[in-house]
Amino acid sequence: MSADIQNTVKNLHPLEIRIILSYRSGDELTVEKVEKDLGFKGGNGNQALSWLAGKGIAGEIRRETAVFYELTDLGREWKEKGSPEERIFNLARRTQGDGTSSGLRLPDIAGNLGLDNKDVGSAFGALSKLGVLAMDGEKKVTVSGNAPEHFAVVRGLLDKAADEGSLLAEAALSPAEKTAIAGIAKKRGAADAPFRQADRETVVFGFTPDWEPLAAALKAAGITGDEIGTLTAEMLETGSWKGKTFRSYNVKVPPARLIVGRTNPYAQFLEDVKDKLSSLGFEEFDGPLVETEFWNSDALFMPQFHSARDIHDVYHIAEPEKAKAIEEPWLSNVAAAHENGGKTGSRGWNYAFDKEFTRRLILRSQGTVLSAKTLPKAKIPGKYFGIVRCFRYDRVDATHLSDFYQTEGIVLGEDVNLKTLLGMLDMFAREVAGAKEVKYVPGYFPFTEPSVEVHIKHPVLGWFELGGSGIFRPEVTASLGVNVPVAAWGIGIDRMALMALGLNDLRELFSYDIENVRLRRSVTPQG
């Protein structure tokens, strides 16, 4: 036996030994197969195969990805009552008076079916696109077509999932079912979707040429993988250790390296941004992660029924579901602004504001919620900022995360204007993020007019949006007791760090690779 093989044999774990001796060259191994065949505990198969791969005894052959759809609590409700689209269509058809008009407006439908205004607005928008519902000049819903075919497809999916234990494999679905489920499933934050999409990746391993001499050496040495590694008090009392073979230990193994703690580079970057803004005279604000729909959206003049609200796809709180009350006079002021403009000079959105819906609790989806809560108590002139953690469903990639930080801020004063705002954006882009190329493009936000997006150019990722900004609309400021211009911005501080720390992927900010984090030098914002 060569010295290298002998050394490898001494350093093998019993789990590795059992795999080496239980399979042959050419066998394809997965975690599930190994744990089932050898009776390993959950997780042991993954450990053992990873160790073998690290020693060069096994290697990855391929990866197989399978997509599954799991029925959520909302999906079970849909199965019992029907989807919002199906319920709305059936109600409109039942109540139509002259063959086309249902005589119902969207708030009437919401009250009749017990649905939120937001859900009714989204469902009506989808049915309108399909050409089966429309709205007449009196904003009453009209029926303009037959029931869409996908109603039956969705109903079939709900029934099938319930019959098969709530889990559907994408590979077993028909083309029509795949199309339908893609529009009603989400990967993360699926509380408001009937199906949760789960991508399961299976790694297939195989032995390398080093397996054969190693397996022969183990057999020659009589090593089975069943050797005892720990001598317990119970074994001494019962004598069960007698006649057993014990694992050998290498007393020359060096001790673990002492790793001295240091500040995480991203945490240091956040503190440096706070220091810079504080040195410029800004006061810091903060608030809870859980907010109401009122402060997160309604106070920002985002209509409760409009599908545009879906861009802020929020996570709902299950218990408690709603806050006890909303502060006055802000609730009444904001409700009036939505319904008829109130005292803001606006015509409002012209719908019945739902004061029950506005109490619903969510994880805040945008930092602007804290700007809104600061307005009633802000000094004029004044400057405020916050480093705010936000939660919003998003597809995770190099420039998107499902929870993220924003630096949020407002500047109030008689002389505040768009030029003031652009100066702040330039400071963030160049001095904090360290960008060399910056551009500004028009944007849309329900609560600002004009609205501006700032984009920067990353040397690897190219151009991407850093954040949005604008001048708060009177419907926002006047409703909260402010009658001077207010410049507001919400900048993705994660993306600023991406540029400033020399990274190419947002996920590296939260890397599990400790060595990489330790080697990453913290960069202090310039200026």
Protein backbone atom coordinates (compact mmCIF):
# COMPACT_ATOMS: atom_id res chain seq x y z
CA MET A 1 0.00 0.00 0.00
CA SER A 2 1.47 3.36 -1.02
CA ALA A 3 2.01 6.08 1.57
CA ASP A 4 -0.62 8.33 -0.05
CA ILE A 5 -3.31 5.63 0.02
CA GLN A 6 -2.36 4.65 3.58
CA ASN A 7 -2.66 8.29 4.69
CA THR A 8 -6.04 8.66 2.95
CA VAL A 9 -7.36 5.49 4.59
CA LYS A 10 -6.43 6.84 8.03
CA ASN A 11 -8.35 10.06 7.40
CA LEU A 12 -11.58 8.53 6.08
CA HIS A 13 -14.76 8.87 8.12
CA PRO A 14 -16.87 5.73 8.66
CA LEU A 15 -19.63 7.25 6.51
CA GLU A 16 -17.16 7.65 3.63
CA ILE A 17 -15.86 4.12 4.09
CA ARG A 18 -19.33 2.61 3.90
CA ILE A 19 -20.03 4.45 0.62
CA ILE A 20 -16.71 3.37 -0.89
CA LEU A 21 -17.33 -0.27 0.00
CA SER A 22 -21.05 -0.33 -0.92
CA TYR A 23 -20.84 0.89 -4.51
CA ARG A 24 -18.77 0.25 -7.60
CA SER A 25 -17.10 2.29 -10.32
CA GLY A 26 -19.73 3.59 -12.73
CA ASP A 27 -22.52 3.77 -10.13
CA GLU A 28 -24.37 7.09 -9.97
CA LEU A 29 -24.84 8.33 -6.43
CA THR A 30 -27.18 10.96 -4.99
CA VAL A 31 -27.79 12.05 -1.42
CA GLU A 32 -31.25 10.47 -1.42
CA LYS A 33 -29.97 7.13 -2.81
CA VAL A 34 -27.07 6.87 -0.35
CA GLU A 35 -29.20 7.71 2.69
CA LYS A 36 -31.89 5.23 1.67
CA ASP A 37 -29.54 2.36 0.74
CA LEU A 38 -27.22 2.69 3.74
CA GLY A 39 -29.69 3.87 6.37
CA PHE A 40 -27.91 7.15 7.01
CA LYS A 41 -29.56 9.86 9.07
CA GLY A 42 -30.83 12.92 7.23
CA GLY A 43 -27.88 15.09 6.19
CA ASN A 44 -25.25 12.35 6.58
CA GLY A 45 -25.38 11.47 2.89
CA ASN A 46 -24.67 15.06 1.88
CA GLN A 47 -21.77 15.27 4.35
CA ALA A 48 -20.16 12.02 3.23
CA LEU A 49 -20.42 12.74 -0.51
CA SER A 50 -19.05 16.25 0.02
CA TRP A 51 -16.09 14.85 1.95
CA LEU A 52 -15.38 12.27 -0.75
CA ALA A 53 -15.54 14.98 -3.41
CA GLY A 54 -13.13 17.13 -1.40
CA LYS A 55 -10.64 14.25 -1.23
CA GLY A 56 -10.93 13.59 -4.98
CA ILE A 57 -12.47 10.14 -4.47
CA ALA A 58 -15.83 11.15 -5.96
CA GLY A 59 -16.83 13.90 -8.36
CA GLU A 60 -19.93 15.62 -9.61
CA ILE A 61 -21.27 14.13 -12.84
CA ARG A 62 -24.24 16.42 -13.44
CA ARG A 63 -27.04 18.38 -11.80
CA GLU A 64 -30.70 17.68 -12.37
CA THR A 65 -33.32 20.34 -11.56
CA ALA A 66 -36.97 19.46 -11.04
CA VAL A 67 -39.72 22.01 -10.44
CA PHE A 68 -42.56 21.31 -8.01
CA TYR A 69 -45.62 23.35 -7.05
CA GLU A 70 -47.00 23.20 -3.52
CA LEU A 71 -50.56 24.21 -2.63
CA THR A 72 -50.62 27.11 -0.13
CA ASP A 73 -53.31 28.08 2.39
CA LEU A 74 -54.60 30.58 -0.17
CA GLY A 75 -54.75 27.77 -2.74
CA ARG A 76 -56.91 25.72 -0.39
CA GLU A 77 -59.20 28.73 -0.03
CA TRP A 78 -59.35 29.05 -3.84
CA LYS A 79 -60.29 25.37 -4.06
CA GLU A 80 -63.18 25.92 -1.67
CA LYS A 81 -64.43 29.29 -2.94
CA GLY A 82 -62.88 29.73 -6.40
CA SER A 83 -60.20 32.17 -7.57
CA PRO A 84 -60.95 35.92 -7.27
CA GLU A 85 -61.22 36.15 -11.09
CA GLU A 86 -63.71 33.28 -11.22
CA ARG A 87 -65.78 34.65 -8.32
CA ILE A 88 -65.86 38.16 -9.77
CA PHE A 89 -66.87 36.92 -13.22
CA ASN A 90 -69.62 34.70 -11.81
CA LEU A 91 -70.95 37.53 -9.63
CA ALA A 92 -70.97 39.99 -12.54
CA ARG A 93 -72.77 37.46 -14.75
CA ARG A 94 -75.36 36.68 -12.05
CA THR A 95 -76.13 40.34 -11.37
CA GLN A 96 -76.16 41.68 -14.92
CA GLY A 97 -79.40 43.50 -15.53
CA ASP A 98 -79.67 44.35 -19.23
CA GLY A 99 -77.58 41.51 -20.57
CA THR A 100 -74.25 43.30 -20.21
CA SER A 101 -74.02 45.59 -17.16
CA SER A 102 -73.77 44.03 -13.71
CA GLY A 103 -74.69 47.31 -12.02
CA LEU A 104 -71.71 46.83 -9.67
CA ARG A 105 -68.63 48.96 -9.18
CA LEU A 106 -65.33 47.49 -7.98
CA PRO A 107 -65.84 48.48 -4.29
CA ASP A 108 -69.34 46.88 -4.45
CA ILE A 109 -67.80 43.65 -5.73
CA ALA A 110 -65.16 43.72 -2.97
CA GLY A 111 -67.83 44.10 -0.29
CA ASN A 112 -70.10 41.47 -1.83
CA LEU A 113 -67.36 38.83 -2.07
CA GLY A 114 -65.39 39.77 1.05
CA LEU A 115 -62.25 40.51 -0.98
CA ASP A 116 -59.71 43.32 -0.55
CA ASN A 117 -60.00 46.27 -2.93
CA LYS A 118 -56.45 45.57 -4.09
CA ASP A 119 -57.26 41.94 -5.01
CA VAL A 120 -60.43 42.99 -6.82
CA GLY A 121 -58.53 45.61 -8.82
CA SER A 122 -55.85 43.12 -9.86
CA ALA A 123 -58.41 40.44 -10.78
CA PHE A 124 -60.53 42.89 -12.79
CA GLY A 125 -57.39 44.04 -14.65
CA ALA A 126 -56.60 40.44 -15.62
CA LEU A 127 -60.18 39.77 -16.77
CA SER A 128 -60.24 43.02 -18.70
CA LYS A 129 -57.12 41.96 -20.60
CA LEU A 130 -58.85 38.71 -21.50
CA GLY A 131 -61.78 40.71 -22.89
CA VAL A 132 -64.47 39.15 -20.68
CA LEU A 133 -65.12 42.12 -18.37
CA ALA A 134 -65.09 45.85 -19.01
CA MET A 135 -66.20 49.06 -17.33
CA ASP A 136 -68.84 51.47 -18.62
CA GLY A 137 -68.95 55.24 -18.31
CA GLU A 138 -70.43 55.00 -14.81
CA LYS A 139 -67.54 52.78 -13.70
CA LYS A 140 -69.86 49.78 -13.48
CA VAL A 141 -68.54 46.36 -14.46
CA THR A 142 -69.92 44.94 -17.68
CA VAL A 143 -69.77 41.37 -18.99
CA SER A 144 -68.34 41.27 -22.51
CA GLY A 145 -67.41 37.63 -23.04
CA ASN A 146 -67.71 34.02 -21.90
CA ALA A 147 -65.86 32.41 -19.01
CA PRO A 148 -62.15 31.99 -19.91
CA GLU A 149 -60.92 28.46 -20.50
CA HIS A 150 -58.18 28.86 -17.92
CA PHE A 151 -60.83 28.91 -15.13
CA ALA A 152 -61.31 25.18 -15.69
CA VAL A 153 -57.55 24.61 -15.94
CA VAL A 154 -56.90 26.41 -12.64
CA ARG A 155 -59.75 24.50 -11.00
CA GLY A 156 -58.23 21.24 -12.23
CA LEU A 157 -54.83 22.18 -10.81
CA LEU A 158 -56.33 22.97 -7.40
CA ASP A 159 -58.22 19.65 -7.33
CA LYS A 160 -55.18 17.70 -8.49
CA ALA A 161 -52.92 19.28 -5.86
CA ALA A 162 -55.42 18.52 -3.10
CA ASP A 163 -55.71 14.89 -4.25
CA GLU A 164 -51.93 14.40 -4.53
CA GLY A 165 -50.99 15.82 -1.14
CA SER A 166 -50.62 19.48 -2.25
CA LEU A 167 -47.46 18.87 -4.36
CA LEU A 168 -47.40 18.86 -8.18
CA ALA A 169 -44.41 17.98 -10.34
CA GLU A 170 -44.05 20.32 -13.33
CA ALA A 171 -42.92 17.44 -15.52
CA ALA A 172 -46.31 15.76 -15.05
CA LEU A 173 -48.36 18.82 -16.11
CA SER A 174 -49.86 19.42 -19.53
CA PRO A 175 -48.79 22.48 -21.58
CA ALA A 176 -52.03 24.30 -20.66
CA GLU A 177 -51.52 23.50 -16.97
CA LYS A 178 -47.91 24.72 -17.08
CA THR A 179 -49.00 28.02 -18.63
CA ALA A 180 -51.76 28.51 -16.06
CA ILE A 181 -49.71 27.63 -12.98
CA ALA A 182 -46.82 29.86 -14.07
CA GLY A 183 -49.13 32.86 -13.66
CA ILE A 184 -50.36 31.97 -10.17
CA ALA A 185 -47.25 30.53 -8.48
CA LYS A 186 -44.41 32.26 -6.68
CA LYS A 187 -41.02 31.06 -5.53
CA ARG A 188 -40.85 33.08 -2.33
CA GLY A 189 -43.30 35.10 -0.29
CA ALA A 190 -46.13 32.96 -1.63
CA ALA A 191 -48.68 33.85 1.07
CA ASP A 192 -50.71 35.72 -1.55
CA ALA A 193 -50.33 33.05 -4.26
CA PRO A 194 -52.22 29.73 -4.49
CA PHE A 195 -49.06 27.78 -5.35
CA ARG A 196 -45.48 28.01 -4.10
CA GLN A 197 -42.83 27.05 -6.65
CA ALA A 198 -39.95 24.96 -5.35
CA ASP A 199 -36.93 24.16 -7.51
CA ARG A 200 -35.21 21.00 -6.30
CA GLU A 201 -31.72 20.38 -7.59
CA THR A 202 -30.21 16.91 -7.39
CA VAL A 203 -26.44 16.51 -7.68
CA VAL A 204 -25.33 13.19 -9.18
CA PHE A 205 -21.89 11.93 -8.09
CA GLY A 206 -19.64 9.19 -9.41
CA PHE A 207 -16.33 7.66 -8.29
CA THR A 208 -13.03 8.87 -9.73
CA PRO A 209 -10.18 6.47 -10.71
CA ASP A 210 -8.79 6.90 -7.16
CA TRP A 211 -11.70 4.81 -5.84
CA GLU A 212 -10.48 1.39 -6.99
CA PRO A 213 -7.08 1.23 -5.17
CA LEU A 214 -8.67 2.82 -2.09
CA ALA A 215 -11.49 0.27 -1.96
CA ALA A 216 -8.93 -2.54 -2.32
CA ALA A 217 -6.82 -1.11 0.51
CA LEU A 218 -9.84 -0.88 2.83
CA LYS A 219 -10.80 -4.49 2.16
CA ALA A 220 -7.21 -5.66 2.66
CA ALA A 221 -7.01 -3.87 5.99
CA GLY A 222 -10.35 -5.27 7.14
CA ILE A 223 -11.87 -1.83 7.59
CA THR A 224 -15.67 -1.88 7.24
CA GLY A 225 -16.84 1.56 8.36
CA ASP A 226 -18.57 0.04 11.40
CA GLU A 227 -15.64 0.78 13.70
CA ILE A 228 -16.43 2.44 17.03
CA GLY A 229 -15.45 6.09 17.19
CA THR A 230 -16.57 6.96 20.73
CA LEU A 231 -16.30 4.85 23.89
CA THR A 232 -19.35 5.69 26.02
CA ALA A 233 -20.12 5.06 29.69
CA GLU A 234 -22.94 2.74 28.65
CA MET A 235 -20.55 0.63 26.56
CA LEU A 236 -18.20 0.31 29.54
CA GLU A 237 -21.05 -0.69 31.87
CA THR A 238 -22.49 -3.32 29.53
CA GLY A 239 -19.20 -4.53 28.08
CA SER A 240 -20.53 -4.13 24.55
CA TRP A 241 -17.17 -2.71 23.47
CA LYS A 242 -15.50 -6.08 23.78
CA GLY A 243 -14.57 -7.68 20.47
CA LYS A 244 -15.27 -4.43 18.58
CA THR A 245 -12.84 -2.60 16.31
CA PHE A 246 -12.04 1.01 17.15
CA ARG A 247 -11.24 3.90 14.81
CA SER A 248 -7.67 5.12 14.89
CA TYR A 249 -6.99 8.78 15.63
CA ASN A 250 -4.23 10.98 14.25
CA VAL A 251 -2.84 12.92 17.23
CA LYS A 252 -0.62 14.92 14.87
CA VAL A 253 -3.56 16.76 13.28
CA PRO A 254 -2.93 20.50 13.79
CA PRO A 255 -5.40 22.40 16.02
CA ALA A 256 -8.00 24.71 14.55
CA ARG A 257 -6.70 28.11 13.46
CA LEU A 258 -7.54 30.96 15.82
CA ILE A 259 -9.51 33.50 13.81
CA VAL A 260 -9.47 37.01 15.23
CA GLY A 261 -12.77 38.86 14.83
CA ARG A 262 -13.12 41.95 12.67
CA THR A 263 -15.88 44.20 11.43
CA ASN A 264 -17.86 42.89 8.49
CA PRO A 265 -17.09 45.07 5.42
CA TYR A 266 -20.74 45.65 4.57
CA ALA A 267 -21.66 46.52 8.16
CA GLN A 268 -18.76 48.99 8.17
CA PHE A 269 -19.98 50.48 4.88
CA LEU A 270 -23.44 51.09 6.37
CA GLU A 271 -21.92 52.83 9.39
CA ASP A 272 -19.75 55.00 7.12
CA VAL A 273 -22.82 56.12 5.13
CA LYS A 274 -24.56 57.05 8.40
CA ASP A 275 -21.52 59.04 9.53
CA LYS A 276 -21.37 60.93 6.25
CA LEU A 277 -25.04 61.92 6.25
CA SER A 278 -24.92 62.90 9.91
CA SER A 279 -21.91 65.12 9.21
CA LEU A 280 -24.01 66.90 6.54
CA GLY A 281 -26.63 67.83 9.14
CA PHE A 282 -29.16 65.06 8.54
CA GLU A 283 -31.13 63.62 11.46
CA GLU A 284 -31.58 59.84 11.48
CA PHE A 285 -35.01 58.21 11.69
CA ASP A 286 -35.91 54.58 12.30
CA GLY A 287 -38.98 52.42 12.79
CA PRO A 288 -40.30 48.86 13.15
CA LEU A 289 -40.01 46.22 10.44
CA VAL A 290 -43.75 45.56 10.70
CA GLU A 291 -45.92 48.39 9.36
CA THR A 292 -49.53 48.94 8.38
CA GLU A 293 -50.83 49.23 4.83
CA PHE A 294 -51.72 52.79 5.82
CA TRP A 295 -48.15 54.02 6.29
CA ASN A 296 -46.57 51.68 3.75
CA SER A 297 -48.91 52.61 0.89
CA ASP A 298 -52.08 54.57 1.68
CA ALA A 299 -50.30 57.58 3.20
CA LEU A 300 -48.20 57.62 0.02
CA PHE A 301 -51.32 58.03 -2.14
CA MET A 302 -51.17 54.53 -3.59
CA PRO A 303 -54.80 53.54 -4.36
CA GLN A 304 -56.04 50.44 -2.60
CA PHE A 305 -57.68 48.94 -5.68
CA HIS A 306 -55.13 49.74 -8.37
CA SER A 307 -53.01 47.00 -9.92
CA ALA A 308 -50.01 49.36 -9.87
CA ARG A 309 -49.86 48.58 -6.14
CA ASP A 310 -48.74 45.06 -7.05
CA ILE A 311 -45.22 46.37 -7.75
CA HIS A 312 -44.87 46.39 -3.96
CA ASP A 313 -45.50 42.68 -3.47
CA VAL A 314 -45.53 42.50 0.32
CA TYR A 315 -45.29 39.82 2.99
CA HIS A 316 -48.40 39.77 5.20
CA ILE A 317 -48.37 39.15 8.95
CA ALA A 318 -50.48 36.14 9.97
CA GLU A 319 -50.93 36.97 13.68
CA PRO A 320 -52.01 39.61 14.53
CA GLU A 321 -53.41 40.37 11.09
CA LYS A 322 -54.30 44.02 11.71
CA ALA A 323 -53.27 46.96 13.87
CA LYS A 324 -55.73 48.18 16.50
CA ALA A 325 -56.02 51.71 15.10
CA ILE A 326 -54.45 54.34 12.83
CA GLU A 327 -53.51 57.74 14.22
CA GLU A 328 -55.86 60.67 13.66
CA PRO A 329 -56.21 63.11 12.00
CA TRP A 330 -53.90 61.39 9.49
CA LEU A 331 -56.31 58.53 8.79
CA SER A 332 -59.17 60.88 7.97
CA ASN A 333 -56.94 63.21 5.96
CA VAL A 334 -55.49 60.39 3.86
CA ALA A 335 -58.91 58.76 3.37
CA ALA A 336 -60.30 62.09 2.10
CA ALA A 337 -57.33 62.54 -0.25
CA HIS A 338 -58.02 59.12 -1.78
CA GLU A 339 -61.78 59.59 -2.04
CA ASN A 340 -62.09 63.17 -3.31
CA GLY A 341 -58.74 64.91 -2.82
CA GLY A 342 -59.64 66.35 0.59
CA LYS A 343 -57.89 69.67 1.17
CA THR A 344 -54.94 68.87 -1.11
CA GLY A 345 -56.26 70.51 -4.27
CA SER A 346 -56.54 67.09 -5.95
CA ARG A 347 -59.60 65.23 -7.24
CA GLY A 348 -58.40 62.06 -5.50
CA TRP A 349 -58.94 58.54 -6.79
CA ASN A 350 -62.74 58.65 -6.51
CA TYR A 351 -63.41 55.42 -4.61
CA ALA A 352 -64.57 54.41 -1.11
CA PHE A 353 -61.43 54.21 1.06
CA ASP A 354 -61.37 50.95 3.08
CA LYS A 355 -60.44 51.83 6.69
CA GLU A 356 -60.33 48.14 7.67
CA PHE A 357 -57.90 47.15 4.92
CA THR A 358 -55.58 50.03 5.82
CA ARG A 359 -54.94 48.45 9.26
CA ARG A 360 -53.48 45.26 7.76
CA LEU A 361 -49.96 44.47 9.04
CA ILE A 362 -47.12 43.74 6.61
CA LEU A 363 -43.34 43.74 6.48
CA ARG A 364 -42.43 47.13 5.09
CA SER A 365 -41.73 46.97 1.36
CA GLN A 366 -40.07 50.38 0.99
CA GLY A 367 -38.13 52.83 3.10
CA THR A 368 -40.49 55.65 2.11
CA VAL A 369 -42.84 54.45 4.86
CA LEU A 370 -40.51 56.08 7.41
CA SER A 371 -40.38 59.32 5.43
CA ALA A 372 -44.18 59.42 5.54
CA LYS A 373 -44.23 58.80 9.31
CA THR A 374 -41.62 61.53 9.81
CA LEU A 375 -43.54 64.25 7.93
CA PRO A 376 -46.10 65.07 10.68
CA LYS A 377 -43.31 65.78 13.21
CA ALA A 378 -40.59 67.12 10.88
CA LYS A 379 -38.92 70.50 11.41
CA ILE A 380 -39.09 73.00 8.55
CA PRO A 381 -36.56 73.43 7.12
CA GLY A 382 -35.25 69.97 7.90
CA LYS A 383 -33.18 67.04 6.62
CA TYR A 384 -33.78 63.42 7.61
CA PHE A 385 -32.44 59.99 6.60
CA GLY A 386 -32.56 56.34 7.57
CA ILE A 387 -30.82 53.06 6.72
CA VAL A 388 -33.90 50.91 6.29
CA ARG A 389 -34.26 47.15 5.82
CA CYS A 390 -37.11 46.33 3.40
CA PHE A 391 -38.83 43.12 2.33
CA ARG A 392 -40.28 42.51 -1.10
CA TYR A 393 -40.67 39.38 -3.19
CA ASP A 394 -38.12 39.44 -5.99
CA ARG A 395 -36.24 36.98 -8.11
CA VAL A 396 -32.77 36.77 -6.54
CA ASP A 397 -29.90 37.52 -8.91
CA ALA A 398 -26.73 39.63 -9.07
CA THR A 399 -28.64 42.91 -8.54
CA HIS A 400 -31.83 41.78 -6.71
CA LEU A 401 -32.48 40.34 -3.25
CA SER A 402 -35.74 39.48 -1.46
CA ASP A 403 -34.78 41.62 1.51
CA PHE A 404 -32.56 44.61 1.09
CA TYR A 405 -31.44 47.91 2.59
CA GLN A 406 -32.39 51.36 1.36
CA THR A 407 -31.03 54.70 2.42
CA GLU A 408 -34.19 56.74 2.61
CA GLY A 409 -34.38 60.46 3.13
CA ILE A 410 -36.29 63.72 2.81
CA VAL A 411 -35.37 67.40 2.64
CA LEU A 412 -38.09 69.94 3.53
CA GLY A 413 -38.08 73.67 2.90
CA GLU A 414 -39.51 76.59 0.96
CA ASP A 415 -36.52 76.59 -1.40
CA VAL A 416 -36.38 72.83 -2.01
CA ASN A 417 -36.72 71.90 -5.68
CA LEU A 418 -35.60 69.37 -8.29
CA LYS A 419 -32.10 70.87 -8.38
CA THR A 420 -31.77 70.14 -4.64
CA LEU A 421 -32.74 66.54 -5.28
CA LEU A 422 -30.35 66.02 -8.18
CA GLY A 423 -27.50 67.32 -6.04
CA MET A 424 -28.25 64.67 -3.39
CA LEU A 425 -28.46 61.92 -5.99
CA ASP A 426 -25.12 62.95 -7.45
CA MET A 427 -23.53 62.76 -4.01
CA PHE A 428 -24.82 59.23 -3.45
CA ALA A 429 -23.79 58.02 -6.90
CA ARG A 430 -20.30 59.52 -7.01
CA GLU A 431 -19.12 60.04 -3.44
CA VAL A 432 -20.78 57.10 -1.67
CA ALA A 433 -21.00 54.47 -4.41
CA GLY A 434 -17.85 55.69 -6.18
CA ALA A 435 -19.47 55.59 -9.63
CA LYS A 436 -17.71 57.33 -12.52
CA GLU A 437 -20.64 57.33 -14.94
CA VAL A 438 -24.07 58.51 -13.75
CA LYS A 439 -27.31 59.28 -15.60
CA TYR A 440 -30.82 60.37 -14.61
CA VAL A 441 -34.00 59.14 -16.29
CA PRO A 442 -37.69 60.01 -15.76
CA GLY A 443 -39.55 57.60 -13.50
CA TYR A 444 -43.00 56.95 -12.09
CA PHE A 445 -43.96 56.65 -8.44
CA PRO A 446 -47.52 57.22 -7.19
CA PHE A 447 -46.31 59.57 -4.46
CA THR A 448 -43.85 61.88 -6.29
CA GLU A 449 -44.10 64.27 -9.23
CA PRO A 450 -41.73 64.82 -10.91
CA SER A 451 -40.00 61.47 -10.37
CA VAL A 452 -36.40 60.64 -11.21
CA GLU A 453 -34.38 57.41 -11.28
CA VAL A 454 -30.61 57.51 -10.91
CA HIS A 455 -28.55 54.90 -12.81
CA ILE A 456 -24.86 54.09 -12.47
CA LYS A 457 -22.52 52.03 -14.63
CA HIS A 458 -20.79 49.06 -13.03
CA PRO A 459 -17.56 47.89 -14.72
CA VAL A 460 -18.89 44.30 -14.99
CA LEU A 461 -22.68 44.45 -14.66
CA GLY A 462 -23.14 47.56 -16.78
CA TRP A 463 -25.91 50.10 -16.17
CA PHE A 464 -28.40 49.44 -13.37
CA GLU A 465 -30.83 51.52 -11.33
CA LEU A 466 -29.50 52.80 -8.02
CA GLY A 467 -32.84 54.08 -6.77
CA GLY A 468 -35.82 56.35 -7.23
CA SER A 469 -36.64 59.85 -6.07
CA GLY A 470 -38.88 62.83 -6.62
CA ILE A 471 -40.82 65.70 -5.08
CA PHE A 472 -43.65 64.48 -2.85
CA ARG A 473 -47.11 65.18 -4.25
CA PRO A 474 -49.43 67.50 -2.26
CA GLU A 475 -51.75 64.53 -1.67
CA VAL A 476 -48.95 63.11 0.50
CA THR A 477 -47.55 66.21 2.21
CA ALA A 478 -50.77 68.19 2.78
CA SER A 479 -52.53 65.14 4.21
CA LEU A 480 -49.73 64.81 6.78
CA GLY A 481 -49.62 68.47 7.75
CA VAL A 482 -46.73 69.73 5.58
CA ASN A 483 -47.21 72.63 3.15
CA VAL A 484 -43.69 73.13 1.76
CA PRO A 485 -41.88 71.21 -1.01
CA VAL A 486 -40.34 67.91 0.10
CA ALA A 487 -37.60 66.16 -1.89
CA ALA A 488 -37.51 62.42 -1.21
CA TRP A 489 -35.35 59.51 -2.31
CA GLY A 490 -34.99 55.77 -1.73
CA ILE A 491 -31.56 54.53 -2.80
CA GLY A 492 -30.54 50.88 -2.82
CA ILE A 493 -27.63 50.96 -0.42
CA ASP A 494 -26.86 47.31 -1.22
CA ARG A 495 -26.24 48.40 -4.81
CA MET A 496 -24.04 51.29 -3.70
CA ALA A 497 -21.98 48.79 -1.70
CA LEU A 498 -21.79 46.57 -4.78
CA MET A 499 -19.91 49.33 -6.55
CA ALA A 500 -17.95 50.75 -3.60
CA LEU A 501 -16.68 47.37 -2.34
CA GLY A 502 -15.72 46.15 -5.81
CA LEU A 503 -18.22 43.28 -5.95
CA ASN A 504 -20.01 41.80 -8.97
CA ASP A 505 -22.95 40.13 -7.18
CA LEU A 506 -25.19 41.35 -4.34
CA ARG A 507 -25.18 37.88 -2.81
CA GLU A 508 -21.49 38.34 -1.97
CA LEU A 509 -22.54 40.93 0.65
CA PHE A 510 -24.01 38.06 2.68
CA SER A 511 -21.51 35.36 1.69
CA TYR A 512 -21.03 32.25 3.81
CA ASP A 513 -17.39 32.19 2.63
CA ILE A 514 -15.71 33.57 5.76
CA GLU A 515 -12.29 33.75 4.14
CA ASN A 516 -13.63 35.87 1.31
CA VAL A 517 -15.37 38.18 3.79
CA ARG A 518 -12.20 38.53 5.86
CA LEU A 519 -10.10 39.39 2.81
CA ARG A 520 -12.61 41.96 1.52
CA ARG A 521 -11.35 45.39 2.50
CA SER A 522 -13.93 47.80 3.82
CA VAL A 523 -14.15 50.94 1.69
CA THR A 524 -15.07 54.21 3.38
CA PRO A 525 -17.34 56.55 1.38
CA GLN A 526 -15.31 59.41 0.01
CA GLY A 527 -15.93 63.07 0.48
